Amino acid sequence: MPMTAGQLEQMIKTALPDAKVDITDLRGDGDHYAAHVVSKAFAGKTRVQQHQMVYDALGGGMGDTLHALALQTSVPDDA
């Protein structure tokens, strides 16, 4: 069963409560998304560590319920 953009956003915000999350459904199939996640929790982390934090928030849904996620992460300008 595909994941909705709202479900994806909620999973990320549960793990990273301060996150600003922008989700785009790339194909309209609920299976291929792009996400831009901005969180203070990423401060001092490498890009790989930031992405791992987001993948961890998906609780194993990546590759199962969610086929593809084009991910961009960053720290807020005021952090």
Protein backbone atom coordinates (compact mmCIF):
# COMPACT_ATOMS: atom_id res chain seq x y z
CA MET A 1 0.00 0.00 0.00
CA PRO A 2 1.49 3.40 -0.97
CA MET A 3 2.36 6.03 1.60
CA THR A 4 0.69 9.43 1.44
CA ALA A 5 2.70 12.66 1.55
CA GLY A 6 0.94 13.46 4.84
CA GLN A 7 2.02 10.15 6.38
CA LEU A 8 5.59 10.71 5.25
CA GLU A 9 5.62 14.23 6.68
CA GLN A 10 4.13 13.06 9.99
CA MET A 11 6.72 10.30 10.40
CA ILE A 12 9.54 12.78 9.87
CA LYS A 13 8.01 15.36 12.23
CA THR A 14 7.50 12.72 14.92
CA ALA A 15 11.22 11.99 14.91
CA LEU A 16 12.30 15.60 14.27
CA PRO A 17 9.60 17.78 15.91
CA ASP A 18 11.16 21.11 14.88
CA ALA A 19 11.50 20.07 11.24
CA LYS A 20 10.12 22.05 8.34
CA VAL A 21 9.16 19.40 5.79
CA ASP A 22 8.28 19.97 2.14
CA ILE A 23 7.09 16.85 0.30
CA THR A 24 6.52 16.50 -3.45
CA ASP A 25 4.91 13.41 -5.00
CA LEU A 26 7.08 12.97 -8.09
CA ARG A 27 4.82 10.60 -10.03
CA GLY A 28 1.44 10.85 -8.34
CA ASP A 29 1.67 7.20 -7.33
CA GLY A 30 2.41 7.58 -3.60
CA ASP A 31 5.61 5.64 -4.16
CA HIS A 32 8.13 8.21 -5.42
CA TYR A 33 8.67 11.38 -3.39
CA ALA A 34 11.07 14.26 -3.02
CA ALA A 35 11.51 15.73 0.45
CA HIS A 36 13.31 18.80 1.72
CA VAL A 37 13.76 18.63 5.49
CA VAL A 38 15.14 21.52 7.54
CA SER A 39 15.92 20.85 11.21
CA LYS A 40 18.18 22.20 13.95
CA ALA A 41 18.83 18.55 14.85
CA PHE A 42 21.05 18.35 11.74
CA ALA A 43 23.53 20.90 13.14
CA GLY A 44 27.04 19.45 13.26
CA LYS A 45 26.01 16.33 11.32
CA THR A 46 27.35 15.27 7.95
CA ARG A 47 24.93 15.09 5.04
CA VAL A 48 25.01 11.27 5.31
CA GLN A 49 24.15 11.45 9.02
CA GLN A 50 21.31 13.89 8.29
CA HIS A 51 19.85 11.58 5.66
CA GLN A 52 20.20 8.59 8.00
CA MET A 53 18.19 10.47 10.62
CA VAL A 54 15.36 10.92 8.11
CA TYR A 55 15.53 7.28 6.96
CA ASP A 56 15.44 6.18 10.62
CA ALA A 57 12.29 8.28 11.05
CA LEU A 58 10.62 6.21 8.33
CA GLY A 59 10.94 3.12 10.50
CA GLY A 60 11.84 0.67 7.75
CA GLY A 61 9.30 2.02 5.26
CA MET A 62 12.05 2.90 2.78
CA GLY A 63 12.25 0.21 0.12
CA ASP A 64 9.03 -1.38 1.34
CA THR A 65 6.08 1.02 1.42
CA LEU A 66 8.13 3.82 -0.07
CA HIS A 67 10.09 2.96 -3.20
CA ALA A 68 12.05 6.17 -3.83
CA LEU A 69 12.84 9.30 -1.85
CA ALA A 70 14.92 12.13 -3.32
CA LEU A 71 16.10 13.75 -0.12
CA GLN A 72 17.56 17.19 0.63
CA THR A 73 18.40 18.15 4.21
CA SER A 74 19.67 21.35 5.76
CA VAL A 75 20.03 23.30 8.98
CA PRO A 76 17.88 26.43 9.39
CA ASP A 77 19.65 29.72 8.73
CA ASP A 78 19.12 30.82 12.34
CA ALA A 79 20.71 27.71 13.87
